[in-house]
Amino acid sequence: MQASEAEWTDIEKTIARTAFDQAYKREVEALLKQVQEETSTLTELGELWRLHDFLSAKRHQVEGKYDYEYSALPFVFAGLVKEGWLHLSELEGLSQDKLAKISSLARM
C-alpha cells in the first residue's frame, strides 16, 4: 500500500470510486451522444477524417484525465468539477482537508 493510499479511509475510497465512475460515465455518455449527432450528418470524406482526428485527440484526453491513483485524485476531481462532470456534493464524506483542496483547485 502506498503512503498516499493510506491517507484514504475505506469509506473515502468507496466515495471516491463512486464519484470517479459517475464522472467517467457522464463524460463518455456525452461523447457518445456528440458522435452520434455528428455521424448522422456526415456527407463528405473530409468530415469523416476530421471526426477521426477529433476522436483520437479525445481518447488521449480522456484516458489521461481519468487517473485513479490516490495521490492524483484531488487533482483529477478538481478538474472534473471544473469541467462539470462531477459535483462537489458527490464527494461529501471525504475529509474536510481533501474537500477544501479539491474545491480550491477547481476554482483555479
PDB file of N, CA and C in Angstrom:
ATOM      1  N   MET A   1       0.846  -1.176   0.000  1.00  0.00           N
ATOM      2  CA  MET A   1       0.000   0.000   0.000  1.00  0.00           C
ATOM      3  C   MET A   1       0.890   1.238   0.000  1.00  0.00           C
ATOM      4  N   GLN A   2       0.658   2.139  -0.926  1.00  0.00           N
ATOM      5  CA  GLN A   2       1.420   3.366  -0.986  1.00  0.00           C
ATOM      6  C   GLN A   2       1.027   4.256   0.170  1.00  0.00           C
ATOM      7  N   ALA A   3       1.951   5.127   0.586  1.00  0.00           N
ATOM      8  CA  ALA A   3       1.668   6.047   1.679  1.00  0.00           C
ATOM      9  C   ALA A   3       0.458   6.918   1.353  1.00  0.00           C
ATOM     10  N   SER A   4       0.338   7.349   0.115  1.00  0.00           N
ATOM     11  CA  SER A   4      -0.777   8.210  -0.252  1.00  0.00           C
ATOM     12  C   SER A   4      -2.110   7.467  -0.177  1.00  0.00           C
ATOM     13  N   GLU A   5      -2.089   6.189  -0.445  1.00  0.00           N
ATOM     14  CA  GLU A   5      -3.317   5.400  -0.358  1.00  0.00           C
ATOM     15  C   GLU A   5      -3.738   5.235   1.099  1.00  0.00           C
ATOM     16  N   ALA A   6      -2.763   5.176   2.008  1.00  0.00           N
ATOM     17  CA  ALA A   6      -3.054   5.011   3.427  1.00  0.00           C
ATOM     18  C   ALA A   6      -3.789   6.225   3.986  1.00  0.00           C
ATOM     19  N   GLU A   7      -3.695   7.360   3.307  1.00  0.00           N
ATOM     20  CA  GLU A   7      -4.360   8.574   3.761  1.00  0.00           C
ATOM     21  C   GLU A   7      -5.855   8.572   3.436  1.00  0.00           C
ATOM     22  N   TRP A   8      -6.322   7.564   2.741  1.00  0.00           N
ATOM     23  CA  TRP A   8      -7.732   7.453   2.368  1.00  0.00           C
ATOM     24  C   TRP A   8      -8.369   6.343   3.196  1.00  0.00           C
ATOM     25  N   THR A   9      -9.441   6.670   3.905  1.00  0.00           N
ATOM     26  CA  THR A   9     -10.152   5.644   4.668  1.00  0.00           C
ATOM     27  C   THR A   9     -10.929   4.757   3.692  1.00  0.00           C
ATOM     28  N   ASP A  10     -11.405   3.637   4.176  1.00  0.00           N
ATOM     29  CA  ASP A  10     -12.199   2.748   3.321  1.00  0.00           C
ATOM     30  C   ASP A  10     -13.460   3.451   2.832  1.00  0.00           C
ATOM     31  N   ILE A  11     -14.085   4.233   3.703  1.00  0.00           N
ATOM     32  CA  ILE A  11     -15.291   4.973   3.299  1.00  0.00           C
ATOM     33  C   ILE A  11     -14.942   5.982   2.212  1.00  0.00           C
ATOM     34  N   GLU A  12     -13.827   6.700   2.386  1.00  0.00           N
ATOM     35  CA  GLU A  12     -13.409   7.675   1.372  1.00  0.00           C
ATOM     36  C   GLU A  12     -13.088   6.990   0.051  1.00  0.00           C
ATOM     37  N   LYS A  13     -12.497   5.826   0.115  1.00  0.00           N
ATOM     38  CA  LYS A  13     -12.188   5.088  -1.115  1.00  0.00           C
ATOM     39  C   LYS A  13     -13.468   4.723  -1.863  1.00  0.00           C
ATOM     40  N   THR A  14     -14.491   4.327  -1.133  1.00  0.00           N
ATOM     41  CA  THR A  14     -15.775   3.985  -1.749  1.00  0.00           C
ATOM     42  C   THR A  14     -16.418   5.225  -2.377  1.00  0.00           C
ATOM     43  N   ILE A  15     -16.409   6.330  -1.640  1.00  0.00           N
ATOM     44  CA  ILE A  15     -16.963   7.591  -2.160  1.00  0.00           C
ATOM     45  C   ILE A  15     -16.206   8.015  -3.406  1.00  0.00           C
ATOM     46  N   ALA A  16     -14.877   7.943  -3.336  1.00  0.00           N
ATOM     47  CA  ALA A  16     -14.036   8.359  -4.461  1.00  0.00           C
ATOM     48  C   ALA A  16     -14.303   7.498  -5.695  1.00  0.00           C
ATOM     49  N   ARG A  17     -14.381   6.193  -5.508  1.00  0.00           N
ATOM     50  CA  ARG A  17     -14.599   5.292  -6.652  1.00  0.00           C
ATOM     51  C   ARG A  17     -15.955   5.553  -7.294  1.00  0.00           C
ATOM     52  N   THR A  18     -16.971   5.741  -6.470  1.00  0.00           N
ATOM     53  CA  THR A  18     -18.319   6.008  -6.989  1.00  0.00           C
ATOM     54  C   THR A  18     -18.344   7.316  -7.769  1.00  0.00           C
ATOM     55  N   ALA A  19     -17.754   8.365  -7.216  1.00  0.00           N
ATOM     56  CA  ALA A  19     -17.721   9.672  -7.879  1.00  0.00           C
ATOM     57  C   ALA A  19     -16.916   9.605  -9.170  1.00  0.00           C
ATOM     58  N   PHE A  20     -15.778   8.940  -9.129  1.00  0.00           N
ATOM     59  CA  PHE A  20     -14.903   8.783 -10.296  1.00  0.00           C
ATOM     60  C   PHE A  20     -15.655   8.078 -11.423  1.00  0.00           C
ATOM     61  N   ASP A  21     -16.288   6.965 -11.085  1.00  0.00           N
ATOM     62  CA  ASP A  21     -17.024   6.186 -12.088  1.00  0.00           C
ATOM     63  C   ASP A  21     -18.202   6.975 -12.658  1.00  0.00           C
ATOM     64  N   GLN A  22     -18.885   7.732 -11.807  1.00  0.00           N
ATOM     65  CA  GLN A  22     -20.033   8.519 -12.264  1.00  0.00           C
ATOM     66  C   GLN A  22     -19.581   9.611 -13.231  1.00  0.00           C
ATOM     67  N   ALA A  23     -18.499  10.298 -12.910  1.00  0.00           N
ATOM     68  CA  ALA A  23     -17.989  11.350 -13.799  1.00  0.00           C
ATOM     69  C   ALA A  23     -17.561  10.755 -15.136  1.00  0.00           C
ATOM     70  N   TYR A  24     -16.882   9.620 -15.089  1.00  0.00           N
ATOM     71  CA  TYR A  24     -16.448   8.954 -16.318  1.00  0.00           C
ATOM     72  C   TYR A  24     -17.657   8.572 -17.176  1.00  0.00           C
ATOM     73  N   LYS A  25     -18.672   8.016 -16.526  1.00  0.00           N
ATOM     74  CA  LYS A  25     -19.878   7.614 -17.243  1.00  0.00           C
ATOM     75  C   LYS A  25     -20.543   8.824 -17.899  1.00  0.00           C
ATOM     76  N   ARG A  26     -20.634   9.932 -17.171  1.00  0.00           N
ATOM     77  CA  ARG A  26     -21.242  11.142 -17.733  1.00  0.00           C
ATOM     78  C   ARG A  26     -20.477  11.632 -18.963  1.00  0.00           C
ATOM     79  N   GLU A  27     -19.155  11.671 -18.839  1.00  0.00           N
ATOM     80  CA  GLU A  27     -18.364  12.185 -19.955  1.00  0.00           C
ATOM     81  C   GLU A  27     -18.451  11.267 -21.168  1.00  0.00           C
ATOM     82  N   VAL A  28     -18.405   9.961 -20.950  1.00  0.00           N
ATOM     83  CA  VAL A  28     -18.497   9.012 -22.053  1.00  0.00           C
ATOM     84  C   VAL A  28     -19.874   9.101 -22.720  1.00  0.00           C
ATOM     85  N   GLU A  29     -20.924   9.197 -21.928  1.00  0.00           N
ATOM     86  CA  GLU A  29     -22.273   9.308 -22.500  1.00  0.00           C
ATOM     87  C   GLU A  29     -22.418  10.586 -23.331  1.00  0.00           C
ATOM     88  N   ALA A  30     -21.848  11.680 -22.852  1.00  0.00           N
ATOM     89  CA  ALA A  30     -21.901  12.936 -23.608  1.00  0.00           C
ATOM     90  C   ALA A  30     -21.116  12.815 -24.908  1.00  0.00           C
ATOM     91  N   LEU A  31     -19.977  12.166 -24.849  1.00  0.00           N
ATOM     92  CA  LEU A  31     -19.169  11.967 -26.049  1.00  0.00           C
ATOM     93  C   LEU A  31     -19.906  11.085 -27.054  1.00  0.00           C
ATOM     94  N   LEU A  32     -20.504  10.007 -26.593  1.00  0.00           N
ATOM     95  CA  LEU A  32     -21.259   9.127 -27.484  1.00  0.00           C
ATOM     96  C   LEU A  32     -22.411   9.871 -28.149  1.00  0.00           C
ATOM     97  N   LYS A  33     -23.105  10.689 -27.382  1.00  0.00           N
ATOM     98  CA  LYS A  33     -24.209  11.473 -27.940  1.00  0.00           C
ATOM     99  C   LYS A  33     -23.691  12.436 -29.009  1.00  0.00           C
ATOM    100  N   GLN A  34     -22.583  13.104 -28.706  1.00  0.00           N
ATOM    101  CA  GLN A  34     -21.998  14.046 -29.665  1.00  0.00           C
ATOM    102  C   GLN A  34     -21.584  13.338 -30.949  1.00  0.00           C
ATOM    103  N   VAL A  35     -20.954  12.186 -30.825  1.00  0.00           N
ATOM    104  CA  VAL A  35     -20.505  11.438 -32.003  1.00  0.00           C
ATOM    105  C   VAL A  35     -21.701  10.943 -32.811  1.00  0.00           C
ATOM    106  N   GLN A  36     -22.733  10.470 -32.139  1.00  0.00           N
ATOM    107  CA  GLN A  36     -23.934  10.020 -32.854  1.00  0.00           C
ATOM    108  C   GLN A  36     -24.556  11.160 -33.645  1.00  0.00           C
ATOM    109  N   GLU A  37     -24.609  12.343 -33.044  1.00  0.00           N
ATOM    110  CA  GLU A  37     -25.166  13.503 -33.750  1.00  0.00           C
ATOM    111  C   GLU A  37     -24.305  13.878 -34.954  1.00  0.00           C
ATOM    112  N   GLU A  38     -22.988  13.864 -34.760  1.00  0.00           N
ATOM    113  CA  GLU A  38     -22.096  14.254 -35.846  1.00  0.00           C
ATOM    114  C   GLU A  38     -22.088  13.232 -36.978  1.00  0.00           C
ATOM    115  N   THR A  39     -22.135  11.954 -36.645  1.00  0.00           N
ATOM    116  CA  THR A  39     -22.104  10.945 -37.707  1.00  0.00           C
ATOM    117  C   THR A  39     -23.391  10.943 -38.521  1.00  0.00           C
ATOM    118  N   SER A  40     -24.475  11.393 -37.922  1.00  0.00           N
ATOM    119  CA  SER A  40     -25.734  11.396 -38.664  1.00  0.00           C
ATOM    120  C   SER A  40     -25.756  12.471 -39.748  1.00  0.00           C
ATOM    121  N   THR A  41     -24.818  13.407 -39.700  1.00  0.00           N
ATOM    122  CA  THR A  41     -24.805  14.490 -40.688  1.00  0.00           C
ATOM    123  C   THR A  41     -23.586  14.431 -41.610  1.00  0.00           C
ATOM    124  N   LEU A  42     -22.784  13.384 -41.495  1.00  0.00           N
ATOM    125  CA  LEU A  42     -21.600  13.271 -42.357  1.00  0.00           C
ATOM    126  C   LEU A  42     -22.011  13.131 -43.819  1.00  0.00           C
ATOM    127  N   THR A  43     -21.388  13.935 -44.671  1.00  0.00           N
ATOM    128  CA  THR A  43     -21.689  13.837 -46.102  1.00  0.00           C
ATOM    129  C   THR A  43     -20.428  13.758 -46.958  1.00  0.00           C
ATOM    130  N   GLU A  44     -19.276  14.071 -46.368  1.00  0.00           N
ATOM    131  CA  GLU A  44     -18.035  14.080 -47.138  1.00  0.00           C
ATOM    132  C   GLU A  44     -16.944  13.328 -46.391  1.00  0.00           C
ATOM    133  N   LEU A  45     -16.030  12.792 -47.141  1.00  0.00           N
ATOM    134  CA  LEU A  45     -14.927  12.042 -46.556  1.00  0.00           C
ATOM    135  C   LEU A  45     -14.087  12.922 -45.632  1.00  0.00           C
ATOM    136  N   GLY A  46     -13.894  14.168 -45.996  1.00  0.00           N
ATOM    137  CA  GLY A  46     -13.126  15.084 -45.154  1.00  0.00           C
ATOM    138  C   GLY A  46     -13.731  15.232 -43.766  1.00  0.00           C
ATOM    139  N   GLU A  47     -15.056  15.219 -43.699  1.00  0.00           N
ATOM    140  CA  GLU A  47     -15.736  15.300 -42.403  1.00  0.00           C
ATOM    141  C   GLU A  47     -15.466  14.056 -41.566  1.00  0.00           C
ATOM    142  N   LEU A  48     -15.404  12.929 -42.229  1.00  0.00           N
ATOM    143  CA  LEU A  48     -15.104  11.678 -41.539  1.00  0.00           C
ATOM    144  C   LEU A  48     -13.700  11.706 -40.950  1.00  0.00           C
ATOM    145  N   TRP A  49     -12.730  12.209 -41.728  1.00  0.00           N
ATOM    146  CA  TRP A  49     -11.357  12.278 -41.228  1.00  0.00           C
ATOM    147  C   TRP A  49     -11.249  13.277 -40.072  1.00  0.00           C
ATOM    148  N   ARG A  50     -11.981  14.384 -40.125  1.00  0.00           N
ATOM    149  CA  ARG A  50     -11.984  15.341 -39.014  1.00  0.00           C
ATOM    150  C   ARG A  50     -12.559  14.690 -37.756  1.00  0.00           C
ATOM    151  N   LEU A  51     -13.586  13.883 -37.932  1.00  0.00           N
ATOM    152  CA  LEU A  51     -14.165  13.164 -36.799  1.00  0.00           C
ATOM    153  C   LEU A  51     -13.150  12.174 -36.231  1.00  0.00           C
ATOM    154  N   HIS A  52     -12.460  11.494 -37.097  1.00  0.00           N
ATOM    155  CA  HIS A  52     -11.415  10.564 -36.664  1.00  0.00           C
ATOM    156  C   HIS A  52     -10.349  11.291 -35.844  1.00  0.00           C
ATOM    157  N   ASP A  53      -9.901  12.436 -36.334  1.00  0.00           N
ATOM    158  CA  ASP A  53      -8.878  13.213 -35.618  1.00  0.00           C
ATOM    159  C   ASP A  53      -9.400  13.681 -34.261  1.00  0.00           C
ATOM    160  N   PHE A  54     -10.646  14.141 -34.249  1.00  0.00           N
ATOM    161  CA  PHE A  54     -11.273  14.571 -33.001  1.00  0.00           C
ATOM    162  C   PHE A  54     -11.316  13.423 -31.993  1.00  0.00           C
ATOM    163  N   LEU A  55     -11.740  12.240 -32.463  1.00  0.00           N
ATOM    164  CA  LEU A  55     -11.839  11.089 -31.567  1.00  0.00           C
ATOM    165  C   LEU A  55     -10.480  10.636 -31.057  1.00  0.00           C
ATOM    166  N   SER A  56      -9.471  10.685 -31.903  1.00  0.00           N
ATOM    167  CA  SER A  56      -8.117  10.318 -31.471  1.00  0.00           C
ATOM    168  C   SER A  56      -7.638  11.247 -30.365  1.00  0.00           C
ATOM    169  N   ALA A  57      -7.855  12.547 -30.557  1.00  0.00           N
ATOM    170  CA  ALA A  57      -7.450  13.525 -29.543  1.00  0.00           C
ATOM    171  C   ALA A  57      -8.273  13.339 -28.269  1.00  0.00           C
ATOM    172  N   LYS A  58      -9.558  13.114 -28.421  1.00  0.00           N
ATOM    173  CA  LYS A  58     -10.445  12.944 -27.270  1.00  0.00           C
ATOM    174  C   LYS A  58     -10.068  11.693 -26.471  1.00  0.00           C
ATOM    175  N   ARG A  59      -9.713  10.628 -27.163  1.00  0.00           N
ATOM    176  CA  ARG A  59      -9.304   9.392 -26.479  1.00  0.00           C
ATOM    177  C   ARG A  59      -8.085   9.652 -25.617  1.00  0.00           C
ATOM    178  N   HIS A  60      -7.109  10.350 -26.165  1.00  0.00           N
ATOM    179  CA  HIS A  60      -5.897  10.675 -25.423  1.00  0.00           C
ATOM    180  C   HIS A  60      -6.237  11.534 -24.198  1.00  0.00           C
ATOM    181  N   GLN A  61      -7.113  12.513 -24.393  1.00  0.00           N
ATOM    182  CA  GLN A  61      -7.515  13.410 -23.315  1.00  0.00           C
ATOM    183  C   GLN A  61      -8.239  12.651 -22.196  1.00  0.00           C
ATOM    184  N   VAL A  62      -9.205  11.839 -22.566  1.00  0.00           N
ATOM    185  CA  VAL A  62     -10.000  11.116 -21.563  1.00  0.00           C
ATOM    186  C   VAL A  62      -9.147  10.095 -20.823  1.00  0.00           C
ATOM    187  N   GLU A  63      -8.346   9.332 -21.554  1.00  0.00           N
ATOM    188  CA  GLU A  63      -7.514   8.320 -20.897  1.00  0.00           C
ATOM    189  C   GLU A  63      -6.487   8.956 -19.966  1.00  0.00           C
ATOM    190  N   GLY A  64      -5.994  10.137 -20.328  1.00  0.00           N
ATOM    191  CA  GLY A  64      -5.039  10.830 -19.471  1.00  0.00           C
ATOM    192  C   GLY A  64      -5.687  11.465 -18.249  1.00  0.00           C
ATOM    193  N   LYS A  65      -6.922  11.858 -18.386  1.00  0.00           N
ATOM    194  CA  LYS A  65      -7.632  12.562 -17.316  1.00  0.00           C
ATOM    195  C   LYS A  65      -8.057  11.636 -16.190  1.00  0.00           C
ATOM    196  N   TYR A  66      -8.520  10.453 -16.523  1.00  0.00           N
ATOM    197  CA  TYR A  66      -9.078   9.545 -15.524  1.00  0.00           C
ATOM    198  C   TYR A  66      -7.992   8.643 -14.945  1.00  0.00           C
ATOM    199  N   ASP A  67      -7.216   9.226 -14.037  1.00  0.00           N
ATOM    200  CA  ASP A  67      -6.105   8.551 -13.372  1.00  0.00           C
ATOM    201  C   ASP A  67      -6.544   8.234 -11.947  1.00  0.00           C
ATOM    202  N   TYR A  68      -6.734   6.950 -11.655  1.00  0.00           N
ATOM    203  CA  TYR A  68      -7.216   6.579 -10.325  1.00  0.00           C
ATOM    204  C   TYR A  68      -6.063   6.180  -9.420  1.00  0.00           C
ATOM    205  N   GLU A  69      -5.168   7.112  -9.205  1.00  0.00           N
ATOM    206  CA  GLU A  69      -4.124   6.939  -8.192  1.00  0.00           C
ATOM    207  C   GLU A  69      -4.486   7.879  -7.060  1.00  0.00           C
ATOM    208  N   TYR A  70      -4.450   7.380  -5.849  1.00  0.00           N
ATOM    209  CA  TYR A  70      -4.913   8.180  -4.721  1.00  0.00           C
ATOM    210  C   TYR A  70      -4.176   9.507  -4.610  1.00  0.00           C
ATOM    211  N   SER A  71      -2.892   9.527  -4.930  1.00  0.00           N
ATOM    212  CA  SER A  71      -2.145  10.783  -4.847  1.00  0.00           C
ATOM    213  C   SER A  71      -2.620  11.797  -5.885  1.00  0.00           C
ATOM    214  N   ALA A  72      -3.197  11.325  -6.988  1.00  0.00           N
ATOM    215  CA  ALA A  72      -3.656  12.208  -8.062  1.00  0.00           C
ATOM    216  C   ALA A  72      -5.132  12.573  -7.942  1.00  0.00           C
ATOM    217  N   LEU A  73      -5.896  11.827  -7.154  1.00  0.00           N
ATOM    218  CA  LEU A  73      -7.350  12.022  -7.123  1.00  0.00           C
ATOM    219  C   LEU A  73      -7.808  13.442  -6.793  1.00  0.00           C
ATOM    220  N   PRO A  74      -7.206  14.147  -5.849  1.00  0.00           N
ATOM    221  CA  PRO A  74      -7.672  15.526  -5.620  1.00  0.00           C
ATOM    222  C   PRO A  74      -7.571  16.389  -6.879  1.00  0.00           C
ATOM    223  N   PHE A  75      -6.515  16.211  -7.648  1.00  0.00           N
ATOM    224  CA  PHE A  75      -6.337  16.974  -8.882  1.00  0.00           C
ATOM    225  C   PHE A  75      -7.321  16.514  -9.960  1.00  0.00           C
ATOM    226  N   VAL A  76      -7.519  15.208 -10.054  1.00  0.00           N
ATOM    227  CA  VAL A  76      -8.478  14.650 -11.006  1.00  0.00           C
ATOM    228  C   VAL A  76      -9.877  15.164 -10.681  1.00  0.00           C
ATOM    229  N   PHE A  77     -10.264  15.062  -9.411  1.00  0.00           N
ATOM    230  CA  PHE A  77     -11.596  15.515  -9.017  1.00  0.00           C
ATOM    231  C   PHE A  77     -11.771  17.015  -9.245  1.00  0.00           C
ATOM    232  N   ALA A  78     -10.754  17.798  -8.951  1.00  0.00           N
ATOM    233  CA  ALA A  78     -10.842  19.248  -9.167  1.00  0.00           C
ATOM    234  C   ALA A  78     -11.082  19.550 -10.645  1.00  0.00           C
ATOM    235  N   GLY A  79     -10.373  18.855 -11.515  1.00  0.00           N
ATOM    236  CA  GLY A  79     -10.561  19.050 -12.949  1.00  0.00           C
ATOM    237  C   GLY A  79     -11.953  18.646 -13.398  1.00  0.00           C
ATOM    238  N   LEU A  80     -12.441  17.550 -12.863  1.00  0.00           N
ATOM    239  CA  LEU A  80     -13.774  17.067 -13.229  1.00  0.00           C
ATOM    240  C   LEU A  80     -14.866  18.015 -12.726  1.00  0.00           C
ATOM    241  N   VAL A  81     -14.668  18.582 -11.543  1.00  0.00           N
ATOM    242  CA  VAL A  81     -15.622  19.575 -11.024  1.00  0.00           C
ATOM    243  C   VAL A  81     -15.599  20.811 -11.913  1.00  0.00           C
ATOM    244  N   LYS A  82     -14.405  21.254 -12.249  1.00  0.00           N
ATOM    245  CA  LYS A  82     -14.255  22.452 -13.077  1.00  0.00           C
ATOM    246  C   LYS A  82     -14.914  22.270 -14.445  1.00  0.00           C
ATOM    247  N   GLU A  83     -14.803  21.076 -15.000  1.00  0.00           N
ATOM    248  CA  GLU A  83     -15.380  20.779 -16.313  1.00  0.00           C
ATOM    249  C   GLU A  83     -16.871  20.448 -16.246  1.00  0.00           C
ATOM    250  N   GLY A  84     -17.397  20.242 -15.049  1.00  0.00           N
ATOM    251  CA  GLY A  84     -18.812  19.958 -14.890  1.00  0.00           C
ATOM    252  C   GLY A  84     -19.202  18.489 -14.931  1.00  0.00           C
ATOM    253  N   TRP A  85     -18.230  17.604 -14.934  1.00  0.00           N
ATOM    254  CA  TRP A  85     -18.545  16.169 -14.960  1.00  0.00           C
ATOM    255  C   TRP A  85     -18.822  15.630 -13.563  1.00  0.00           C
ATOM    256  N   LEU A  86     -18.438  16.404 -12.555  1.00  0.00           N
ATOM    257  CA  LEU A  86     -18.583  15.966 -11.168  1.00  0.00           C
ATOM    258  C   LEU A  86     -19.026  17.167 -10.340  1.00  0.00           C
ATOM    259  N   HIS A  87     -19.792  16.918  -9.302  1.00  0.00           N
ATOM    260  CA  HIS A  87     -20.250  17.969  -8.406  1.00  0.00           C
ATOM    261  C   HIS A  87     -19.605  17.739  -7.039  1.00  0.00           C
ATOM    262  N   LEU A  88     -19.212  18.818  -6.391  1.00  0.00           N
ATOM    263  CA  LEU A  88     -18.585  18.685  -5.074  1.00  0.00           C
ATOM    264  C   LEU A  88     -19.459  17.901  -4.109  1.00  0.00           C
ATOM    265  N   SER A  89     -20.767  18.037  -4.240  1.00  0.00           N
ATOM    266  CA  SER A  89     -21.683  17.326  -3.342  1.00  0.00           C
ATOM    267  C   SER A  89     -21.522  15.808  -3.453  1.00  0.00           C
ATOM    268  N   GLU A  90     -21.044  15.340  -4.603  1.00  0.00           N
ATOM    269  CA  GLU A  90     -20.850  13.898  -4.777  1.00  0.00           C
ATOM    270  C   GLU A  90     -19.611  13.392  -4.043  1.00  0.00           C
ATOM    271  N   LEU A  91     -18.833  14.315  -3.508  1.00  0.00           N
ATOM    272  CA  LEU A  91     -17.626  13.949  -2.766  1.00  0.00           C
ATOM    273  C   LEU A  91     -17.818  14.092  -1.261  1.00  0.00           C
ATOM    274  N   GLU A  92     -19.044  14.407  -0.844  1.00  0.00           N
ATOM    275  CA  GLU A  92     -19.319  14.527   0.589  1.00  0.00           C
ATOM    276  C   GLU A  92     -18.983  13.209   1.277  1.00  0.00           C
ATOM    277  N   GLY A  93     -18.307  13.345   2.399  1.00  0.00           N
ATOM    278  CA  GLY A  93     -17.834  12.163   3.125  1.00  0.00           C
ATOM    279  C   GLY A  93     -16.325  12.056   3.083  1.00  0.00           C
ATOM    280  N   LEU A  94     -15.697  12.778   2.142  1.00  0.00           N
ATOM    281  CA  LEU A  94     -14.240  12.865   2.151  1.00  0.00           C
ATOM    282  C   LEU A  94     -13.843  13.807   3.285  1.00  0.00           C
ATOM    283  N   SER A  95     -12.620  13.728   3.729  1.00  0.00           N
ATOM    284  CA  SER A  95     -12.159  14.600   4.805  1.00  0.00           C
ATOM    285  C   SER A  95     -12.284  16.066   4.386  1.00  0.00           C
ATOM    286  N   GLN A  96     -12.416  16.925   5.372  1.00  0.00           N
ATOM    287  CA  GLN A  96     -12.521  18.361   5.091  1.00  0.00           C
ATOM    288  C   GLN A  96     -11.280  18.871   4.364  1.00  0.00           C
ATOM    289  N   ASP A  97     -10.118  18.325   4.692  1.00  0.00           N
ATOM    290  CA  ASP A  97      -8.883  18.736   4.018  1.00  0.00           C
ATOM    291  C   ASP A  97      -8.935  18.397   2.528  1.00  0.00           C
ATOM    292  N   LYS A  98      -9.385  17.200   2.216  1.00  0.00           N
ATOM    293  CA  LYS A  98      -9.473  16.799   0.810  1.00  0.00           C
ATOM    294  C   LYS A  98     -10.505  17.644   0.062  1.00  0.00           C
ATOM    295  N   LEU A  99     -11.664  17.851   0.681  1.00  0.00           N
ATOM    296  CA  LEU A  99     -12.704  18.660   0.048  1.00  0.00           C
ATOM    297  C   LEU A  99     -12.236  20.097  -0.172  1.00  0.00           C
ATOM    298  N   ALA A 100     -11.536  20.655   0.800  1.00  0.00           N
ATOM    299  CA  ALA A 100     -11.036  22.025   0.673  1.00  0.00           C
ATOM    300  C   ALA A 100     -10.016  22.117  -0.454  1.00  0.00           C
ATOM    301  N   LYS A 101      -9.143  21.127  -0.547  1.00  0.00           N
ATOM    302  CA  LYS A 101      -8.134  21.127  -1.615  1.00  0.00           C
ATOM    303  C   LYS A 101      -8.797  21.009  -2.979  1.00  0.00           C
ATOM    304  N   ILE A 102      -9.731  20.095  -3.109  1.00  0.00           N
ATOM    305  CA  ILE A 102     -10.433  19.893  -4.387  1.00  0.00           C
ATOM    306  C   ILE A 102     -11.189  21.165  -4.772  1.00  0.00           C
ATOM    307  N   SER A 103     -11.893  21.733  -3.828  1.00  0.00           N
ATOM    308  CA  SER A 103     -12.658  22.952  -4.076  1.00  0.00           C
ATOM    309  C   SER A 103     -11.753  24.098  -4.498  1.00  0.00           C
ATOM    310  N   SER A 104     -10.649  24.243  -3.800  1.00  0.00           N
ATOM    311  CA  SER A 104      -9.697  25.312  -4.125  1.00  0.00           C
ATOM    312  C   SER A 104      -9.090  25.122  -5.520  1.00  0.00           C
ATOM    313  N   LEU A 105      -8.691  23.913  -5.822  1.00  0.00           N
ATOM    314  CA  LEU A 105      -8.103  23.625  -7.146  1.00  0.00           C
ATOM    315  C   LEU A 105      -9.125  23.820  -8.259  1.00  0.00           C
ATOM    316  N   ALA A 106     -10.370  23.496  -7.994  1.00  0.00           N
ATOM    317  CA  ALA A 106     -11.418  23.618  -9.020  1.00  0.00           C
ATOM    318  C   ALA A 106     -11.695  25.079  -9.362  1.00  0.00           C
ATOM    319  N   ARG A 107     -11.417  25.966  -8.433  1.00  0.00           N
ATOM    320  CA  ARG A 107     -11.649  27.396  -8.676  1.00  0.00           C
ATOM    321  C   ARG A 107     -10.508  28.048  -9.437  1.00  0.00           C
ATOM    322  N   MET A 108      -9.406  27.372  -9.578  1.00  0.00           N
ATOM    323  CA  MET A 108      -8.227  27.951 -10.244  1.00  0.00           C
ATOM    324  C   MET A 108      -8.439  28.032 -11.740  1.00  0.00           C
TER     325      MET A 108
END
